[in-house]
Amino acid sequence: PRREAVVGIGNEPIGRESERVVSAARRAGERSDASSDELWELLAGMLADHSGPDPLCRHGERYGTTCSTILRLPRGGAPEMKFAAGPPCVTPFSPVSFGDR
């Protein structure tokens, strides 16, 4: 099925993303064949990635990745959210409930 998505990765404003953000969004978009569960896992892995000179998951003396969120907004369906309450490389993503709507 065709998916439409807006991807915001990192702490950069949408429209002014670095190459790391553009590359991650491109990789996620190329997986239109992935099931919903596979896509959650793909995104979680990308957000926990340390590879390259400008990784999505960062650790430093002055700043670093402190948490991470994946949000799914299906057309005509209920939103889903998973949250890692710590660096996503060591903290599992857990479902977040939106409560009764």
N, C-alpha and C. Protein backbone atom coordinates (compact mmCIF):
# COMPACT_ATOMS: atom_id res chain seq x y z
N PRO A 1 0.82 -1.20 0.00
CA PRO A 1 0.00 0.00 0.00
C PRO A 1 0.85 1.25 0.00
N ARG A 2 0.37 2.28 -0.61
CA ARG A 2 1.11 3.55 -0.68
C ARG A 2 1.00 4.27 0.66
N ARG A 3 2.11 4.80 1.11
CA ARG A 3 2.14 5.56 2.36
C ARG A 3 2.51 7.00 2.06
N GLU A 4 1.91 7.90 2.77
CA GLU A 4 2.27 9.30 2.71
C GLU A 4 2.85 9.65 4.06
N ALA A 5 3.95 10.37 4.07
CA ALA A 5 4.58 10.64 5.37
C ALA A 5 5.26 12.00 5.37
N VAL A 6 5.25 12.60 6.51
CA VAL A 6 6.09 13.76 6.79
C VAL A 6 7.06 13.29 7.85
N VAL A 7 8.34 13.45 7.59
CA VAL A 7 9.34 12.93 8.51
C VAL A 7 10.13 14.09 9.09
N GLY A 8 10.18 14.15 10.40
CA GLY A 8 11.03 15.10 11.09
C GLY A 8 11.97 14.29 11.97
N ILE A 9 13.24 14.40 11.71
CA ILE A 9 14.22 13.63 12.47
C ILE A 9 15.25 14.59 13.02
N GLY A 10 15.56 14.44 14.28
CA GLY A 10 16.57 15.29 14.89
C GLY A 10 15.95 16.55 15.44
N ASN A 11 16.76 17.50 15.73
CA ASN A 11 16.27 18.74 16.32
C ASN A 11 16.40 19.91 15.35
N GLU A 12 16.42 19.62 14.07
CA GLU A 12 16.52 20.66 13.07
C GLU A 12 15.15 20.98 12.51
N PRO A 13 14.87 22.23 12.18
CA PRO A 13 13.56 22.57 11.63
C PRO A 13 13.30 21.86 10.30
N ILE A 14 12.06 21.40 10.10
CA ILE A 14 11.70 20.80 8.81
C ILE A 14 11.94 21.83 7.73
N GLY A 15 12.59 21.43 6.67
CA GLY A 15 12.94 22.33 5.59
C GLY A 15 14.41 22.73 5.62
N ARG A 16 15.08 22.51 6.76
CA ARG A 16 16.49 22.87 6.87
C ARG A 16 17.29 21.70 7.42
N GLU A 17 16.91 20.49 6.99
CA GLU A 17 17.55 19.29 7.51
C GLU A 17 18.97 19.12 6.98
N SER A 18 19.78 18.48 7.78
CA SER A 18 21.13 18.14 7.36
C SER A 18 21.07 16.89 6.49
N GLU A 19 22.19 16.53 5.92
CA GLU A 19 22.25 15.33 5.07
C GLU A 19 21.88 14.08 5.85
N ARG A 20 22.21 14.01 7.14
CA ARG A 20 21.85 12.83 7.94
C ARG A 20 20.34 12.66 8.01
N VAL A 21 19.62 13.76 8.13
CA VAL A 21 18.16 13.71 8.21
C VAL A 21 17.56 13.35 6.85
N VAL A 22 18.07 13.98 5.80
CA VAL A 22 17.59 13.69 4.46
C VAL A 22 17.83 12.22 4.11
N SER A 23 19.00 11.71 4.44
CA SER A 23 19.33 10.32 4.16
C SER A 23 18.42 9.37 4.93
N ALA A 24 18.16 9.65 6.20
CA ALA A 24 17.30 8.79 7.00
C ALA A 24 15.86 8.80 6.47
N ALA A 25 15.36 9.96 6.11
CA ALA A 25 14.01 10.05 5.56
C ALA A 25 13.92 9.30 4.23
N ARG A 26 14.95 9.40 3.42
CA ARG A 26 14.98 8.69 2.14
C ARG A 26 14.95 7.18 2.36
N ARG A 27 15.76 6.70 3.30
CA ARG A 27 15.80 5.25 3.59
C ARG A 27 14.45 4.76 4.08
N ALA A 28 13.79 5.51 4.94
CA ALA A 28 12.47 5.11 5.44
C ALA A 28 11.45 5.11 4.31
N GLY A 29 11.50 6.11 3.44
CA GLY A 29 10.56 6.21 2.33
C GLY A 29 10.73 5.10 1.30
N GLU A 30 11.94 4.57 1.18
CA GLU A 30 12.20 3.50 0.23
C GLU A 30 11.61 2.17 0.67
N ARG A 31 11.16 2.08 1.90
CA ARG A 31 10.63 0.81 2.43
C ARG A 31 9.11 0.76 2.38
N SER A 32 8.52 1.17 1.26
CA SER A 32 7.06 1.14 1.13
C SER A 32 6.52 -0.27 1.18
N ASP A 33 7.38 -1.27 0.99
CA ASP A 33 6.96 -2.67 1.05
C ASP A 33 6.94 -3.22 2.47
N ALA A 34 7.44 -2.47 3.42
CA ALA A 34 7.56 -2.96 4.80
C ALA A 34 6.19 -2.99 5.48
N SER A 35 6.01 -3.99 6.33
CA SER A 35 4.80 -4.03 7.15
C SER A 35 4.91 -2.94 8.21
N SER A 36 3.83 -2.68 8.89
CA SER A 36 3.82 -1.67 9.94
C SER A 36 4.85 -2.00 11.02
N ASP A 37 4.89 -3.28 11.44
CA ASP A 37 5.86 -3.68 12.47
C ASP A 37 7.29 -3.53 11.98
N GLU A 38 7.55 -3.89 10.72
CA GLU A 38 8.89 -3.74 10.16
C GLU A 38 9.30 -2.28 10.10
N LEU A 39 8.35 -1.41 9.78
CA LEU A 39 8.65 0.01 9.70
C LEU A 39 8.97 0.58 11.07
N TRP A 40 8.23 0.17 12.12
CA TRP A 40 8.56 0.60 13.48
C TRP A 40 10.00 0.22 13.82
N GLU A 41 10.37 -1.03 13.51
CA GLU A 41 11.72 -1.52 13.82
C GLU A 41 12.79 -0.77 13.02
N LEU A 42 12.50 -0.52 11.74
CA LEU A 42 13.43 0.22 10.89
C LEU A 42 13.67 1.62 11.47
N LEU A 43 12.61 2.32 11.81
CA LEU A 43 12.75 3.68 12.35
C LEU A 43 13.46 3.68 13.69
N ALA A 44 13.14 2.72 14.56
CA ALA A 44 13.82 2.63 15.86
C ALA A 44 15.31 2.40 15.65
N GLY A 45 15.67 1.54 14.72
CA GLY A 45 17.08 1.29 14.43
C GLY A 45 17.79 2.50 13.88
N MET A 46 17.11 3.24 13.01
CA MET A 46 17.71 4.44 12.44
C MET A 46 17.95 5.49 13.52
N LEU A 47 17.00 5.65 14.43
CA LEU A 47 17.14 6.66 15.49
C LEU A 47 18.21 6.28 16.50
N ALA A 48 18.54 5.00 16.60
CA ALA A 48 19.57 4.53 17.53
C ALA A 48 20.95 4.43 16.88
N ASP A 49 21.05 4.76 15.62
CA ASP A 49 22.28 4.57 14.84
C ASP A 49 23.37 5.57 15.24
N HIS A 50 24.59 5.07 15.40
CA HIS A 50 25.75 5.92 15.72
C HIS A 50 26.72 6.06 14.55
N SER A 51 26.41 5.47 13.40
CA SER A 51 27.39 5.43 12.31
C SER A 51 27.53 6.77 11.59
N GLY A 52 28.69 6.95 11.02
CA GLY A 52 28.98 8.15 10.24
C GLY A 52 29.42 9.32 11.09
N PRO A 53 29.85 10.38 10.43
CA PRO A 53 30.37 11.54 11.16
C PRO A 53 29.26 12.40 11.79
N ASP A 54 28.01 12.22 11.37
CA ASP A 54 26.89 13.04 11.87
C ASP A 54 25.72 12.12 12.20
N PRO A 55 25.83 11.25 13.24
CA PRO A 55 24.81 10.24 13.51
C PRO A 55 23.52 10.82 14.07
N LEU A 56 22.45 10.04 13.96
CA LEU A 56 21.17 10.47 14.55
C LEU A 56 21.20 10.35 16.07
N CYS A 57 21.81 9.30 16.60
CA CYS A 57 21.95 9.14 18.05
C CYS A 57 23.34 9.63 18.43
N ARG A 58 23.37 10.64 19.29
CA ARG A 58 24.64 11.27 19.64
C ARG A 58 24.90 11.21 21.14
N HIS A 59 26.17 11.13 21.47
CA HIS A 59 26.59 11.17 22.87
C HIS A 59 27.80 12.09 22.96
N GLY A 60 27.74 13.05 23.81
CA GLY A 60 28.85 13.98 23.93
C GLY A 60 28.94 14.53 25.35
N GLU A 61 29.97 15.31 25.58
CA GLU A 61 30.15 15.89 26.90
C GLU A 61 29.14 16.99 27.19
N ARG A 62 28.79 17.76 26.17
CA ARG A 62 27.91 18.91 26.39
C ARG A 62 26.46 18.65 26.01
N TYR A 63 26.21 17.72 25.11
CA TYR A 63 24.83 17.40 24.73
C TYR A 63 24.79 16.02 24.11
N GLY A 64 23.59 15.51 23.96
CA GLY A 64 23.42 14.20 23.36
C GLY A 64 21.95 13.89 23.20
N THR A 65 21.66 12.76 22.61
CA THR A 65 20.28 12.33 22.42
C THR A 65 19.73 11.87 23.76
N THR A 66 18.66 12.50 24.21
CA THR A 66 18.10 12.18 25.53
C THR A 66 16.81 11.38 25.46
N CYS A 67 16.14 11.37 24.32
CA CYS A 67 14.91 10.61 24.14
C CYS A 67 14.60 10.57 22.65
N SER A 68 13.59 9.78 22.28
CA SER A 68 13.24 9.66 20.87
C SER A 68 11.78 9.26 20.75
N THR A 69 11.12 9.74 19.71
CA THR A 69 9.70 9.47 19.48
C THR A 69 9.47 9.02 18.05
N ILE A 70 8.58 8.04 17.88
CA ILE A 70 8.11 7.63 16.56
C ILE A 70 6.60 7.78 16.60
N LEU A 71 6.05 8.49 15.65
CA LEU A 71 4.62 8.77 15.60
C LEU A 71 4.07 8.29 14.26
N ARG A 72 2.99 7.54 14.31
CA ARG A 72 2.33 7.06 13.10
C ARG A 72 0.94 7.68 13.05
N LEU A 73 0.63 8.34 11.93
CA LEU A 73 -0.65 9.00 11.74
C LEU A 73 -1.34 8.41 10.50
N PRO A 74 -1.95 7.24 10.65
CA PRO A 74 -2.58 6.62 9.49
C PRO A 74 -3.83 7.40 9.05
N ARG A 75 -4.02 7.46 7.74
CA ARG A 75 -5.22 8.10 7.22
C ARG A 75 -6.45 7.37 7.70
N GLY A 76 -7.35 8.05 8.35
CA GLY A 76 -8.60 7.45 8.79
C GLY A 76 -8.46 6.52 9.98
N GLY A 77 -7.29 6.46 10.58
CA GLY A 77 -7.09 5.56 11.72
C GLY A 77 -6.62 6.31 12.94
N ALA A 78 -6.51 5.59 14.02
CA ALA A 78 -6.05 6.19 15.28
C ALA A 78 -4.54 6.40 15.24
N PRO A 79 -4.05 7.50 15.78
CA PRO A 79 -2.60 7.71 15.83
C PRO A 79 -1.94 6.71 16.77
N GLU A 80 -0.70 6.40 16.48
CA GLU A 80 0.10 5.52 17.33
C GLU A 80 1.42 6.22 17.62
N MET A 81 1.89 6.03 18.83
CA MET A 81 3.15 6.66 19.22
C MET A 81 3.97 5.68 20.04
N LYS A 82 5.27 5.68 19.79
CA LYS A 82 6.21 4.93 20.63
C LYS A 82 7.28 5.92 21.09
N PHE A 83 7.71 5.75 22.33
CA PHE A 83 8.63 6.71 22.95
C PHE A 83 9.73 5.96 23.67
N ALA A 84 10.96 6.41 23.47
CA ALA A 84 12.12 5.91 24.21
C ALA A 84 12.51 7.01 25.20
N ALA A 85 12.31 6.75 26.48
CA ALA A 85 12.56 7.75 27.52
C ALA A 85 14.03 7.75 27.94
N GLY A 86 14.89 7.79 26.96
CA GLY A 86 16.33 7.78 27.15
C GLY A 86 16.96 7.64 25.78
N PRO A 87 18.25 7.59 25.66
CA PRO A 87 18.87 7.42 24.35
C PRO A 87 18.32 6.15 23.67
N PRO A 88 17.88 6.26 22.41
CA PRO A 88 17.25 5.12 21.76
C PRO A 88 18.19 3.94 21.49
N CYS A 89 19.49 4.14 21.64
CA CYS A 89 20.44 3.05 21.45
C CYS A 89 20.44 2.10 22.64
N VAL A 90 19.95 2.55 23.81
CA VAL A 90 19.95 1.72 25.02
C VAL A 90 18.57 1.65 25.68
N THR A 91 17.61 2.41 25.18
CA THR A 91 16.29 2.47 25.78
C THR A 91 15.26 1.94 24.79
N PRO A 92 14.49 0.93 25.15
CA PRO A 92 13.49 0.42 24.22
C PRO A 92 12.35 1.41 24.00
N PHE A 93 11.78 1.38 22.82
CA PHE A 93 10.60 2.18 22.52
C PHE A 93 9.39 1.48 23.12
N SER A 94 8.53 2.23 23.79
CA SER A 94 7.32 1.69 24.40
C SER A 94 6.12 2.42 23.82
N PRO A 95 5.00 1.71 23.65
CA PRO A 95 3.79 2.37 23.16
C PRO A 95 3.30 3.42 24.14
N VAL A 96 2.73 4.49 23.62
CA VAL A 96 2.15 5.55 24.43
C VAL A 96 0.65 5.59 24.12
N SER A 97 -0.15 5.60 25.16
CA SER A 97 -1.59 5.63 24.98
C SER A 97 -2.08 7.07 24.89
N PHE A 98 -3.00 7.30 23.96
CA PHE A 98 -3.61 8.62 23.85
C PHE A 98 -4.90 8.68 24.66
N GLY A 99 -5.28 7.59 25.30
CA GLY A 99 -6.51 7.54 26.10
C GLY A 99 -7.73 7.51 25.21
N ASP A 100 -8.88 7.61 25.82
CA ASP A 100 -10.14 7.61 25.06
C ASP A 100 -10.28 8.92 24.32
N ARG A 101 -10.72 8.80 23.07
CA ARG A 101 -10.86 10.00 22.24
C ARG A 101 -12.28 10.24 21.92
